[in-house]
Protein backbone atom coordinates (compact mmCIF):
# COMPACT_ATOMS: atom_id res chain seq x y z
CA MET A 1 8.57 15.37 -79.85
CA GLY A 2 8.81 16.32 -76.28
CA ASP A 3 5.53 18.44 -76.30
CA MET A 4 4.22 15.69 -77.91
CA ILE A 5 4.76 13.28 -75.37
CA CYS A 6 3.70 16.27 -72.72
CA SER A 7 0.03 16.41 -73.77
CA GLU A 8 -1.39 16.15 -70.43
CA LYS A 9 0.01 19.14 -69.79
CA LEU A 10 -1.27 20.57 -72.96
CA PHE A 11 -4.50 18.88 -72.37
CA PRO A 12 -5.50 18.98 -68.55
CA SER A 13 -8.84 18.21 -69.00
CA THR A 14 -8.75 15.26 -71.01
CA ARG A 15 -7.51 13.39 -68.40
CA ASN A 16 -10.25 14.10 -65.56
CA VAL A 17 -12.76 13.42 -68.32
CA ASN A 18 -11.62 10.24 -69.64
CA VAL A 19 -9.98 8.23 -67.12
CA LYS A 20 -12.98 6.96 -65.33
CA SER A 21 -14.69 5.86 -68.60
CA PHE A 22 -11.54 4.16 -69.15
CA ILE A 23 -11.17 2.24 -66.30
CA SER A 24 -14.15 1.10 -66.27
CA LYS A 25 -14.14 -0.18 -70.02
CA ILE A 26 -11.23 -2.18 -68.98
CA SER A 27 -11.52 -3.16 -65.32
CA LEU A 28 -12.19 -6.65 -66.26
CA VAL A 29 -9.36 -6.88 -68.93
CA PRO A 30 -6.03 -8.74 -67.21
CA PRO A 31 -3.21 -6.19 -66.99
CA LEU A 32 -1.01 -7.71 -69.36
CA VAL A 33 -3.46 -7.86 -72.01
CA THR A 34 -3.93 -4.14 -71.58
CA ARG A 35 -0.33 -3.36 -72.01
CA MET A 36 -0.29 -5.60 -74.69
CA SER A 37 -2.92 -3.63 -76.58
CA PHE A 38 -1.99 -0.09 -75.56
CA TYR A 39 1.67 -0.79 -77.46
CA ILE A 40 0.34 -2.57 -80.79
CA LEU A 41 -2.09 0.30 -80.90
CA ILE A 42 0.58 3.37 -80.68
CA THR A 43 3.22 1.10 -83.27
CA ALA A 44 0.14 0.38 -85.70
CA THR A 45 -0.21 4.35 -85.67
CA LEU A 46 3.32 5.26 -85.74
CA LEU A 47 3.55 3.09 -89.15
CA PHE A 48 1.32 5.21 -91.15
CA VAL A 49 3.26 8.70 -90.13
CA PRO A 50 5.59 9.29 -93.29
CA ALA A 51 7.19 11.76 -91.30
CA PHE A 52 8.37 9.56 -88.82
CA THR A 53 11.87 7.12 -89.71
CA PHE A 54 12.25 3.48 -88.57
CA LEU A 55 14.14 4.67 -85.21
CA ASP A 56 12.24 7.66 -84.07
CA SER A 57 9.44 5.33 -84.13
CA VAL A 58 11.28 2.96 -81.91
CA SER A 59 12.33 5.91 -80.07
CA VAL A 60 8.50 7.12 -79.23
CA ILE A 61 7.68 3.43 -78.66
CA VAL A 62 9.95 3.37 -76.05
CA LEU A 63 8.73 6.34 -74.38
CA VAL A 64 5.17 5.95 -74.80
CA VAL A 65 6.10 2.24 -72.77
CA ALA A 66 7.77 3.98 -69.85
CA MET A 67 4.98 6.88 -69.76
CA PHE A 68 2.20 4.18 -69.59
CA ASP A 69 4.02 2.03 -66.67
CA LEU A 70 4.64 5.07 -65.09
CA ASN A 71 1.89 7.20 -65.04
CA VAL A 72 -0.93 5.61 -66.58
CA THR A 73 -1.13 2.97 -64.14
CA GLN A 74 -1.03 5.13 -61.42
CA LEU A 75 -4.17 6.61 -62.98
CA LEU A 76 -5.77 3.34 -63.11
CA SER A 77 -5.20 3.06 -59.06
CA ASP A 78 -6.16 6.51 -58.61
CA ASP A 79 -7.46 8.73 -61.01
CA ASP A 80 -5.82 12.19 -60.10
CA GLY A 81 -3.35 11.29 -57.38
CA ASP A 82 -4.95 12.94 -54.66
CA ASP A 83 -6.66 11.58 -51.23
CA ASP A 84 -9.28 8.89 -51.29
CA PHE A 85 -11.89 11.96 -49.61
CA ASP A 86 -12.00 13.79 -52.71
CA ASP A 87 -14.35 10.96 -54.15
CA ILE A 88 -17.12 11.46 -50.80
CA ASN A 89 -19.69 13.53 -51.54
CA VAL A 90 -20.22 16.24 -48.77
CA LYS A 91 -24.32 15.67 -49.08
CA ASP A 92 -23.78 11.86 -48.64
CA LEU A 93 -22.61 12.72 -44.89
CA ASN A 94 -24.96 11.99 -42.39
CA VAL A 95 -24.27 14.38 -39.43
CA ASP A 96 -26.43 13.32 -37.17
CA GLU A 97 -24.84 9.61 -37.49
CA PHE A 98 -21.51 11.35 -36.67
CA GLU A 99 -22.85 13.15 -33.77
CA LYS A 100 -23.75 10.29 -32.44
CA ASN A 101 -20.61 8.45 -32.79
CA ILE A 102 -18.63 11.98 -30.93
CA SER A 103 -21.13 11.22 -27.94
CA ILE A 104 -20.83 7.75 -28.04
CA PHE A 105 -16.93 8.53 -27.90
CA ASN A 106 -16.98 10.76 -24.96
CA GLU A 107 -19.42 8.40 -23.13
CA SER A 108 -16.88 5.68 -23.31
CA LEU A 109 -14.27 7.98 -22.37
CA GLY A 110 -16.05 9.01 -19.13
CA ASN A 111 -16.75 5.44 -18.49
CA ARG A 112 -12.65 4.86 -17.86
CA THR A 113 -12.95 6.55 -14.67
CA PRO A 114 -14.58 5.16 -11.94
CA VAL A 115 -17.77 6.45 -9.88
CA SER A 116 -16.52 7.19 -6.65
CA THR A 117 -13.15 8.67 -8.26
CA THR A 118 -15.54 11.00 -10.22
CA ARG A 119 -17.00 11.98 -6.86
CA ASN A 120 -13.88 13.01 -5.12
CA ASN A 121 -12.66 14.89 -8.42
CA LEU A 122 -15.89 17.15 -8.05
CA TRP A 123 -15.85 17.33 -4.23
CA ALA A 124 -12.18 18.68 -4.98
CA LEU A 125 -13.19 20.94 -7.66
CA ARG A 126 -16.18 22.41 -4.93
CA THR A 127 -13.27 22.58 -2.29
CA TYR A 128 -11.12 24.64 -4.53
CA ARG A 129 -14.33 27.06 -5.70
CA ARG A 130 -15.19 27.42 -2.37
CA TRP A 131 -11.83 28.74 -1.31
CA ALA A 132 -11.59 30.85 -4.17
CA ILE A 133 -14.72 32.71 -3.29
CA LEU A 134 -13.70 33.60 0.46
CA ILE A 135 -10.44 35.34 -1.08
CA SER A 136 -11.75 36.63 -4.37
CA PRO A 137 -10.94 39.98 -5.84
CA CYS A 138 -13.27 41.93 -4.67
CA LYS A 139 -11.33 40.71 -0.98
CA ASP A 140 -7.72 40.54 -1.68
CA PRO A 141 -7.81 42.25 -5.07
CA SER A 142 -4.08 41.48 -5.21
CA ALA A 143 -4.56 37.84 -5.01
CA LYS A 144 -6.06 37.22 -8.95
CA ILE A 145 -7.36 33.86 -8.07
CA PRO A 146 -9.93 31.92 -11.17
CA LEU A 147 -13.23 30.80 -9.16
CA ASN A 148 -12.57 27.67 -11.82
CA PHE A 149 -9.65 25.52 -11.41
CA GLU A 150 -9.82 24.95 -15.13
CA ASP A 151 -8.86 28.71 -15.67
CA ILE A 152 -5.78 28.71 -13.33
CA PRO A 153 -2.66 29.54 -15.87
CA LEU A 154 0.06 26.70 -16.11
CA ASP A 155 2.28 29.53 -14.97
CA ARG A 156 0.09 30.15 -11.68
CA ILE A 157 -0.26 26.95 -10.70
CA ASN A 158 2.67 27.37 -7.90
CA TYR A 159 1.28 30.04 -6.39
CA VAL A 160 -2.35 29.25 -6.33
CA LEU A 161 -1.74 25.62 -4.96
CA SER A 162 0.42 26.56 -2.35
CA ARG A 163 -2.13 29.37 -0.89
CA PHE A 164 -4.81 26.78 -1.82
CA VAL A 165 -2.64 23.83 0.48
CA GLN A 166 -2.37 26.71 3.34
CA GLU A 167 -5.77 28.19 3.65
CA ALA A 168 -8.62 25.70 2.46
CA THR A 169 -10.38 25.01 5.35
CA ASP A 170 -13.77 22.72 5.57
CA THR A 171 -17.59 23.90 6.15
CA ARG A 172 -17.07 24.19 9.51
CA GLY A 173 -14.04 26.90 8.94
CA GLU A 174 -11.14 24.36 10.62
CA LEU A 175 -8.21 23.57 8.40
CA PHE A 176 -7.99 20.67 6.77
CA ARG A 177 -6.06 17.44 7.86
CA SER A 178 -3.14 16.27 6.48
CA ALA A 179 -4.90 13.53 4.67
CA THR A 180 -7.94 15.70 3.56
CA ILE A 181 -5.48 18.12 1.97
CA TYR A 182 -3.95 15.25 0.23
CA SER A 183 -7.35 14.36 -1.26
CA ALA A 184 -8.00 17.50 -2.22
CA ILE A 185 -4.77 17.74 -4.44
CA ALA A 186 -5.63 14.08 -5.70
CA GLY A 187 -8.53 15.13 -7.09
CA LEU A 188 -7.31 18.23 -8.71
CA ASN A 189 -4.31 16.40 -10.33
CA ARG A 190 -6.81 13.85 -12.04
CA VAL A 191 -8.93 16.98 -13.49
CA LEU A 192 -5.87 18.56 -14.61
CA LYS A 193 -4.64 15.26 -16.24
CA GLU A 194 -7.73 14.89 -18.42
CA LYS A 195 -7.61 18.38 -19.15
CA HIS A 196 -4.46 17.52 -21.08
CA ALA A 197 -4.89 14.06 -21.95
CA PHE A 198 -4.94 14.63 -24.86
CA ASP A 199 -2.71 17.86 -26.39
CA GLU A 200 0.83 18.92 -26.26
CA LEU A 201 0.71 19.08 -22.08
CA ALA A 202 -0.27 15.30 -22.08
CA GLY A 203 1.34 13.42 -18.74
CA ILE A 204 0.92 16.78 -16.57
CA ASP A 205 1.54 15.93 -12.82
CA LEU A 206 1.28 18.25 -10.01
CA LEU A 207 3.42 15.76 -8.06
CA SER A 208 5.86 15.07 -10.62
CA THR A 209 6.31 17.59 -12.86
CA PRO A 210 9.40 19.57 -12.54
CA ARG A 211 7.79 23.24 -13.25
CA PHE A 212 5.61 22.38 -9.97
CA LYS A 213 8.79 21.54 -8.09
CA ARG A 214 7.98 24.83 -5.75
CA PHE A 215 4.03 23.69 -4.97
CA PHE A 216 5.20 20.00 -3.98
CA MET A 217 7.61 21.49 -1.73
CA VAL A 218 5.00 23.55 -0.15
CA LEU A 219 2.57 20.73 -0.18
CA ASP A 220 5.16 18.43 1.63
CA GLY A 221 5.62 20.85 4.17
CA VAL A 222 2.43 21.64 5.30
CA MET A 223 1.32 17.75 5.25
CA LYS A 224 4.46 17.42 7.81
CA GLN A 225 3.02 20.66 9.90
CA ARG A 226 -0.17 19.29 10.15
CA GLN A 227 0.63 15.76 11.01
CA GLN A 228 2.69 16.62 13.97
CA GLN A 229 -0.43 18.99 15.26
CA GLU A 230 -2.85 16.01 14.41
CA ASP A 231 -3.85 12.78 16.46
CA PRO A 232 -1.53 9.72 15.77
CA ARG A 233 -4.05 7.55 16.37
CA GLN A 234 -5.43 6.04 13.40
CA ARG A 235 -9.58 6.07 12.82
CA LYS A 236 -10.77 2.59 12.63
CA VAL A 237 -13.83 1.03 12.71
CA ASP A 238 -14.63 -1.37 15.73
CA VAL A 239 -15.42 -5.11 15.21
CA PHE A 240 -17.94 -7.14 16.65
CA ALA A 241 -17.78 -9.60 19.06
CA GLU A 242 -19.57 -13.13 20.10
CA ASP A 243 -22.05 -11.40 21.75
CA ASP A 244 -22.84 -8.75 19.82
CA TYR A 245 -24.52 -10.92 17.24
CA SER A 246 -26.54 -12.24 19.77
CA ASP A 247 -27.68 -8.47 20.60
CA LEU A 248 -28.52 -7.55 17.04
CA TRP A 249 -30.78 -10.83 16.46
CA MET A 250 -32.89 -9.95 19.27
CA HIS A 251 -33.49 -6.25 19.22
CA ALA A 252 -32.44 -5.54 15.69
CA PHE A 253 -33.28 -8.27 13.22
CA GLY A 254 -36.36 -9.68 11.98
CA SER A 255 -39.48 -9.66 9.63
CA LYS A 256 -41.90 -7.57 11.61
CA ASP A 257 -41.69 -4.92 9.01
CA GLY A 258 -40.08 -3.53 6.00
CA LYS A 259 -37.21 -1.67 7.80
CA THR A 260 -36.47 -4.70 10.20
CA LEU A 261 -36.55 -7.46 7.11
CA LEU A 262 -34.94 -4.95 4.68
CA THR A 263 -32.13 -4.74 7.34
CA THR A 264 -31.61 -8.22 8.33
CA VAL A 265 -31.22 -9.14 4.89
CA VAL A 266 -28.64 -5.96 3.93
CA PHE A 267 -26.31 -7.16 7.13
CA LEU A 268 -26.43 -10.79 6.13
CA THR A 269 -25.51 -9.94 2.52
CA MET A 270 -22.52 -8.21 3.54
CA LYS A 271 -21.83 -10.68 6.26
CA VAL A 272 -21.92 -13.71 4.07
CA PHE A 273 -20.49 -12.12 0.77
CA SER A 274 -18.35 -9.51 2.23
CA LEU A 275 -19.35 -6.89 0.30
CA ARG A 276 -17.96 -2.97 0.43
CA ALA A 277 -20.57 -1.03 1.80
CA GLY A 278 -20.50 1.29 -1.81
CA ASP A 279 -21.51 0.69 -5.69
CA GLU A 280 -21.14 -3.12 -4.55
CA LEU A 281 -24.19 -3.12 -2.37
CA ARG A 282 -26.32 -0.32 -4.58
CA ARG A 283 -26.20 -2.16 -7.71
CA LEU A 284 -26.32 -5.41 -6.32
CA ALA A 285 -29.34 -7.51 -8.31
CA MET A 286 -30.67 -10.98 -8.14
CA ASN A 287 -29.00 -11.08 -11.37
CA ASN A 288 -25.73 -11.59 -9.30
CA PHE A 289 -26.59 -14.93 -7.72
CA GLU A 290 -26.98 -18.33 -8.47
CA PHE A 291 -28.66 -21.38 -6.69
CA GLU A 292 -27.90 -24.69 -7.16
CA TYR A 293 -29.80 -27.35 -4.45
CA ASN A 294 -28.54 -30.78 -3.19
CA PRO A 295 -24.79 -29.61 -5.35
CA ASP A 296 -23.22 -32.43 -4.02
CA GLY A 297 -26.31 -35.01 -4.12
CA LYS A 298 -25.89 -36.30 -0.92
CA SER A 299 -27.98 -33.71 1.56
CA HIS A 300 -31.76 -32.43 0.03
CA SER A 301 -31.40 -29.52 2.35
CA SER A 302 -28.21 -28.12 1.41
CA VAL A 303 -27.94 -25.08 -1.18
CA LEU A 304 -24.79 -23.88 -2.66
CA ILE A 305 -24.91 -20.03 -3.32
CA ARG A 306 -22.98 -18.96 -5.92
CA TYR A 307 -22.27 -14.77 -5.90
CA ILE A 308 -20.84 -13.15 -9.41
CA GLU A 309 -19.82 -9.45 -8.89
CA THR A 310 -20.20 -7.25 -11.90
CA CYS A 311 -18.51 -4.36 -10.73
CA SER A 312 -15.78 -3.44 -7.54
CA LYS A 313 -13.71 -0.50 -6.75
CA ASN A 314 -10.52 -2.13 -7.40
CA LYS A 315 -12.17 -4.20 -10.34
CA GLN A 316 -13.33 -1.95 -13.26
CA GLY A 317 -12.48 -3.67 -16.17
CA GLY A 318 -10.44 -1.96 -19.09
CA LEU A 319 -6.80 -2.84 -20.15
CA LYS A 320 -5.70 -1.74 -16.44
CA GLY A 321 -8.16 -5.02 -15.32
CA ILE A 322 -7.80 -7.36 -18.19
CA ASN A 323 -6.14 -9.51 -16.05
CA LYS A 324 -8.38 -9.92 -12.89
CA GLY A 325 -11.09 -12.06 -12.89
CA ARG A 326 -14.44 -10.55 -11.44
CA LYS A 327 -14.85 -12.04 -7.80
CA VAL A 328 -17.13 -14.81 -7.51
CA VAL A 329 -17.91 -16.27 -3.89
CA GLU A 330 -18.96 -20.01 -3.26
CA HIS A 331 -21.52 -20.24 -0.30
CA TRP A 332 -23.03 -23.42 1.28
CA GLU A 333 -26.09 -23.64 3.70
CA ASP A 334 -28.56 -25.56 5.09
CA ILE A 335 -31.68 -24.37 3.87
CA ARG A 336 -33.32 -25.02 7.33
CA ASP A 337 -31.10 -22.36 9.00
CA GLU A 338 -33.25 -19.47 10.52
CA ARG A 339 -30.24 -17.32 10.54
CA GLY A 340 -29.38 -17.89 7.24
CA PHE A 341 -28.91 -16.09 3.88
CA HIS A 342 -31.51 -18.59 1.96
CA PHE A 343 -33.77 -18.23 4.55
CA TRP A 344 -34.10 -14.37 4.63
CA ILE A 345 -33.66 -13.89 0.75
CA ASN A 346 -36.77 -15.56 0.49
CA GLU A 347 -38.64 -13.79 3.20
CA TYR A 348 -37.44 -10.79 1.48
CA LEU A 349 -38.32 -11.87 -1.88
CA ALA A 350 -41.77 -12.99 -1.39
CA ARG A 351 -42.73 -9.24 0.05
CA CYS A 352 -40.95 -7.37 -3.04
CA PRO A 353 -42.41 -7.00 -6.60
CA ALA A 354 -41.54 -9.27 -9.55
CA GLU A 355 -39.52 -6.68 -10.88
CA VAL A 356 -36.73 -7.21 -8.15
CA ARG A 357 -37.24 -11.39 -8.50
CA ASP A 358 -36.39 -11.01 -12.32
CA GLY A 359 -33.57 -9.08 -11.95
CA LEU A 360 -35.05 -6.14 -13.49
CA CYS A 361 -34.27 -3.66 -10.77
CA PRO A 362 -31.35 -3.33 -7.98
CA LEU A 363 -32.23 -5.53 -5.12
CA PHE A 364 -32.46 -3.37 -2.11
CA LEU A 365 -35.66 -1.23 -2.35
CA HIS A 366 -37.16 1.27 0.24
CA PRO A 367 -39.66 0.03 2.58
CA LEU A 368 -43.29 1.48 1.78
CA LYS A 369 -44.28 3.56 4.98
CA SER A 370 -47.77 1.99 5.27
CA PRO A 371 -47.86 -1.02 2.78
CA GLN A 372 -51.44 -2.33 2.11
CA HIS A 373 -52.45 -5.60 3.56
CA GLY A 374 -51.42 -8.45 1.26
CA SER A 375 -49.28 -5.86 -0.98
CA HIS A 376 -45.71 -5.53 -1.45
CA TRP A 377 -43.68 -3.94 1.77
CA PHE A 378 -40.94 -2.39 -0.95
CA SER A 379 -41.07 0.19 -3.68
CA ALA A 380 -39.50 -0.75 -6.95
CA LYS A 381 -39.30 2.81 -8.40
CA ARG A 382 -36.97 4.07 -4.88
CA PRO A 383 -33.61 1.67 -5.02
CA VAL A 384 -32.40 2.21 -1.47
CA GLY A 385 -29.00 5.28 -1.56
CA GLN A 386 -25.41 4.91 0.26
CA THR A 387 -27.15 7.25 2.80
CA PHE A 388 -29.95 5.43 3.52
CA PHE A 389 -27.77 2.12 3.90
CA THR A 390 -25.80 3.93 6.64
CA SER A 391 -28.26 5.46 8.49
CA LEU A 392 -30.21 1.74 8.43
CA MET A 393 -27.26 0.11 10.09
CA LYS A 394 -26.65 2.72 12.62
CA GLU A 395 -30.33 2.67 13.91
CA ALA A 396 -29.90 -1.06 14.32
CA PHE A 397 -26.60 -0.67 16.03
CA LYS A 398 -27.83 1.21 18.30
CA LYS A 399 -31.02 -0.61 19.10
CA ALA A 400 -28.75 -3.64 19.93
CA GLY A 401 -26.76 -1.14 22.44
CA LEU A 402 -23.55 -1.68 20.94
CA GLU A 403 -21.25 1.01 21.78
CA GLY A 404 -18.60 1.74 19.98
CA ASP A 405 -17.93 2.93 16.58
CA PHE A 406 -19.86 0.81 14.29
CA THR A 407 -20.47 1.11 10.76
CA LEU A 408 -20.99 -0.83 7.81
CA LYS A 409 -17.50 -1.47 7.15
CA SER A 410 -17.80 -2.68 10.86
CA ILE A 411 -19.42 -6.10 9.35
CA ARG A 412 -16.30 -6.54 6.28
CA SER A 413 -13.60 -5.77 9.14
CA SER A 414 -15.09 -8.72 11.06
CA ASN A 415 -15.01 -11.26 8.75
CA VAL A 416 -11.67 -10.71 8.18
CA ASN A 417 -10.25 -10.92 11.79
CA GLU A 418 -12.54 -13.88 12.54
CA LEU A 419 -11.05 -15.81 9.66
CA THR A 420 -7.64 -14.63 10.90
CA GLU A 421 -8.32 -15.34 14.21
CA GLU A 422 -9.12 -19.22 12.73
CA ASN A 423 -6.06 -19.07 10.85
CA VAL A 424 -7.32 -19.44 7.78
CA ASP A 425 -5.24 -18.94 4.65
CA SER A 426 -4.99 -15.51 3.68
CA GLU A 427 -5.31 -16.09 0.06
CA VAL A 428 -8.83 -17.61 0.75
CA ILE A 429 -9.53 -14.78 3.12
CA LYS A 430 -9.12 -12.73 -0.09
CA CYS A 431 -10.87 -14.76 -2.38
CA ARG A 432 -14.01 -13.57 -0.28
CA THR A 433 -13.24 -10.38 0.22
CA GLY A 434 -11.86 -9.34 -3.16
CA HIS A 435 -8.70 -7.71 -1.67
CA SER A 436 -5.71 -8.13 -4.25
CA SER A 437 -3.08 -7.62 -1.54
CA ASP A 438 -1.65 -8.30 1.82
CA ARG A 439 -1.12 -4.95 2.60
CA ALA A 440 -5.06 -4.15 1.83
CA LEU A 441 -6.01 -6.91 3.83
CA ASN A 442 -3.97 -6.31 6.60
CA GLN A 443 -5.29 -2.89 7.42
CA TYR A 444 -8.38 -4.48 8.50
CA LYS A 445 -6.90 -6.50 11.16
CA ARG A 446 -6.64 -5.14 14.81
CA PRO A 447 -7.56 -6.41 18.36
CA ARG A 448 -11.29 -7.41 18.95
CA SER A 449 -11.51 -6.28 22.34
CA LYS A 450 -9.52 -5.06 25.32
CA LYS A 451 -9.18 -8.57 26.65
CA GLU A 452 -7.22 -9.33 23.49
CA GLN A 453 -4.71 -6.55 23.95
CA GLN A 454 -4.30 -7.43 27.69
CA ARG A 455 -3.69 -11.19 27.32
CA VAL A 456 -0.98 -9.83 24.14
CA SER A 457 0.87 -7.67 26.98
CA LYS A 458 1.20 -10.39 29.25
CA LEU A 459 2.47 -12.68 26.49
CA LEU A 460 5.09 -10.12 25.82
CA LEU A 461 6.02 -9.85 29.38
CA ARG A 462 6.26 -13.61 29.74
CA ASN A 463 8.53 -13.39 26.54
CA GLN A 464 10.94 -10.60 28.10
CA GLY A 465 11.38 -13.32 31.18
CA LEU A 466 9.05 -12.03 34.05
CA ARG A 467 8.76 -14.93 36.32
CA LYS A 468 5.61 -15.56 37.84
CA TRP A 469 7.43 -15.18 41.35
CA GLN A 470 8.16 -11.88 40.33
CA VAL A 471 4.71 -11.14 39.92
CA VAL A 472 3.30 -12.66 42.96
CA LYS A 473 6.35 -11.41 44.89
CA PRO A 474 4.69 -8.00 45.59
CA ILE A 475 1.34 -9.34 47.02
CA VAL A 476 3.32 -12.01 48.84
CA GLU A 477 4.87 -8.76 50.83
CA VAL A 478 2.20 -7.00 52.00
CA TRP A 479 0.11 -10.35 52.99
CA ALA A 480 3.34 -11.02 55.04
CA VAL A 481 3.33 -7.54 56.82
CA TYR A 482 -0.04 -8.02 57.37
CA ILE A 483 0.62 -10.98 59.09
CA LEU A 484 2.99 -10.00 61.36
CA PHE A 485 1.37 -7.15 62.42
CA ILE A 486 -1.72 -8.99 63.28
CA ALA A 487 0.63 -11.79 65.11
CA LEU A 488 2.65 -8.77 66.83
CA VAL A 489 -0.89 -7.45 68.17
CA ILE A 490 -1.68 -11.11 69.21
CA VAL A 491 1.34 -11.47 71.21
CA SER A 492 1.43 -8.33 73.02
CA GLY A 493 -2.37 -9.02 74.05
CA MET A 494 -0.83 -12.13 75.48
CA CYS A 495 2.05 -11.01 77.43
CA VAL A 496 -0.31 -7.40 78.99
CA ALA A 497 -2.94 -10.55 80.22
CA LEU A 498 -0.18 -12.79 81.94
CA PHE A 499 1.15 -9.57 83.40
CA TYR A 500 -2.35 -9.02 85.33
CA ASN A 501 -2.62 -12.77 85.71
CA ARG A 502 0.62 -12.70 88.08
CA GLY A 503 -1.02 -9.59 89.66
């Protein structure tokens, strides 16, 4: 009887052949009706078998019912109990579509990293490779330093990077400063994390993983040694004084040619909207601006210029930036102001190709060397890069006769200092500049001139209880001695004169 029940094992092929056709036939029948029909069919069949007694028939029916509920129901849901992938025909897979999806996945992973961070990572890899070539096995056979950072075994990282931070030099052959060493290690650390992001070493870190403790101690010691040898004064760009703006408008700004016009518009754009001198400036387009004329309904000469950023240094989007909104700046101007942004952006757009006005290409383009009369001054095929921006503004500062360390960053730093001196709330300043914390904002604050520093010194001396007489006393003493000397000379002369008159 057991052999009759286990016919599935004796005839496995019947299951594979008949299940799909059986499912297709009963798929529209309710499950309860299906079970009852099957039970009636088995019972009627057994009643016509004379070899079975009544008790045997009941036993067989009970076993068949149990078998049906446990096994046949499973066959209806999954014909062989294996994974659903068994029904997939390999020939139906579109290989091109699969590879396209993989490329999109890799591209999305690449988009996680900001462009500036990727650039720093590549610089760190190039710096390591240049050092590794200098001490290659042909010069130091015992070193065994891989030329590529990705090829370093994990058990050799302590030794290799310890030597790197002590021996790495710049292109002039000078040892790196402490901040440069840290930037290089930070870049290599990001590369190492990305390499092991999806394996068993995920979360590895050169600066916190215990297995790299020796390297961390060497790095800490080298940075302390270099910091003691370096100039403690941090390099900070200068900020503009009131007279500097007048000199710029007199000697560097205007519309006499394409280069001068571009300089004017770039300066005003950074000044009004406090943009960073990087991707925010290079990727800027007219799509980032909205112009609303007569916004308050009172003055027909007023305009509201709204800037909406697409990307920034600290707001890249993604999961980390899900709660950070994009920077939006609202700037009010009088359209008759000949030194305003509205006036000069229209002067610039009038001499640009239509693609710029339509937002189909970046806002700032290279000026043509010899534009024809009545034609455009700028080339739509050559957007301005970071190097050209830097040289453009340096040339303008030189024409204006500004002495000091003035760069593109000076414009943004000057905005922070000017608004701080006018006691503008820090939250308002951060909305304008796009800073996310007061700590980052405070790095831009500095004394504007030597007069400001002298005024602070006097205030500090006054607060220490230095009285006015203590300041004037040395001067009075000198003059008193001088007057006494003159008086003594006069009295001596009078005495001599009286003596000769008596004689």
